[in-house]
Protein backbone atom coordinates (compact mmCIF):
# COMPACT_ATOMS: atom_id res chain seq x y z
CA MET A 1 54.09 -26.36 -19.86
CA SER A 2 52.27 -23.25 -19.90
CA LYS A 3 49.32 -21.99 -18.72
CA ARG A 4 47.54 -19.54 -19.57
CA ASN A 5 44.30 -17.47 -18.76
CA ALA A 6 43.85 -16.12 -22.34
CA ALA A 7 40.82 -18.32 -23.89
CA LEU A 8 43.05 -21.08 -26.11
CA ASP A 9 42.51 -21.15 -30.27
CA PRO A 10 41.09 -24.56 -31.42
CA ASN A 11 42.55 -24.47 -34.78
CA CYS A 12 46.27 -24.39 -32.34
CA ILE A 13 45.66 -27.30 -30.57
CA GLN A 14 47.20 -30.71 -31.85
CA PHE A 15 46.24 -33.44 -29.60
CA PHE A 16 44.66 -33.57 -26.01
CA SER A 17 46.81 -36.02 -23.63
CA ILE A 18 44.66 -37.10 -20.69
CA ASP A 19 46.18 -38.32 -17.26
CA LEU A 20 43.08 -40.74 -15.32
CA PHE A 21 44.17 -42.28 -11.97
CA PRO A 22 42.54 -43.64 -9.38
CA THR A 23 43.74 -42.10 -5.54
CA ALA A 24 44.43 -43.73 -1.74
CA ASP A 25 41.49 -42.51 -0.86
CA GLY A 26 39.39 -43.86 -3.34
CA ARG A 27 38.61 -41.27 -6.21
CA PHE A 28 39.59 -40.07 -8.99
CA ALA A 29 42.65 -37.69 -10.18
CA VAL A 30 42.72 -36.23 -13.72
CA GLY A 31 44.65 -33.84 -15.22
CA ILE A 32 44.24 -32.54 -18.65
CA VAL A 33 46.83 -31.20 -21.49
CA ALA A 34 46.86 -29.86 -24.62
CA THR A 35 49.21 -30.14 -26.89
CA ILE A 36 49.37 -26.58 -29.06
CA CYS A 37 50.74 -25.36 -32.06
CA GLU A 38 51.08 -21.71 -32.39
CA ARG A 39 54.49 -20.86 -34.62
CA GLU A 40 54.62 -23.81 -37.41
CA GLY A 41 56.85 -26.56 -36.17
CA GLU A 42 56.53 -25.73 -32.15
CA LEU A 43 54.99 -27.80 -30.29
CA GLU A 44 54.60 -26.82 -26.46
CA GLY A 45 51.88 -28.12 -23.54
CA MET A 46 49.48 -26.33 -22.39
CA ASP A 47 47.89 -27.59 -19.12
CA LEU A 48 44.25 -27.36 -19.06
CA GLY A 49 43.63 -28.71 -15.46
CA ASN A 50 44.00 -31.09 -12.73
CA HIS A 51 41.45 -32.11 -10.47
CA ARG A 52 39.68 -34.86 -8.18
CA VAL A 53 36.70 -36.46 -8.73
CA ASP A 54 34.52 -39.07 -6.61
CA SER A 55 33.43 -40.96 -9.82
CA ILE A 56 34.26 -42.18 -13.71
CA ASP A 57 31.52 -40.31 -14.49
CA ASP A 58 32.67 -36.70 -12.83
CA ALA A 59 35.89 -37.97 -14.88
CA LEU A 60 34.92 -37.87 -17.91
CA THR A 61 32.09 -34.91 -17.20
CA ILE A 62 35.63 -33.02 -16.71
CA ILE A 63 37.07 -34.75 -19.78
CA ARG A 64 34.33 -34.27 -22.35
CA SER A 65 33.98 -29.97 -20.92
CA ALA A 66 38.01 -29.37 -21.51
CA VAL A 67 37.85 -31.37 -25.30
CA GLN A 68 35.49 -30.24 -26.44
CA PRO A 69 34.97 -27.01 -28.72
CA ALA A 70 33.33 -24.08 -27.32
CA HIS A 71 30.10 -22.77 -29.90
């Protein structure tokens, strides 16, 4: 799985995978991976980040910002 600093071309994104789970301290952990296809037939996972947040609303904010296309 790659983690790149360059801007992600939204046309390469095939789908997102989101992990959301409660932690022992009562918070939530959020992990987001974009599956991209930069070369025909080759899928690759790109880590978009892992976060710890206090509420489900905070988790949804993180998810929304990761999956929304830039304008």
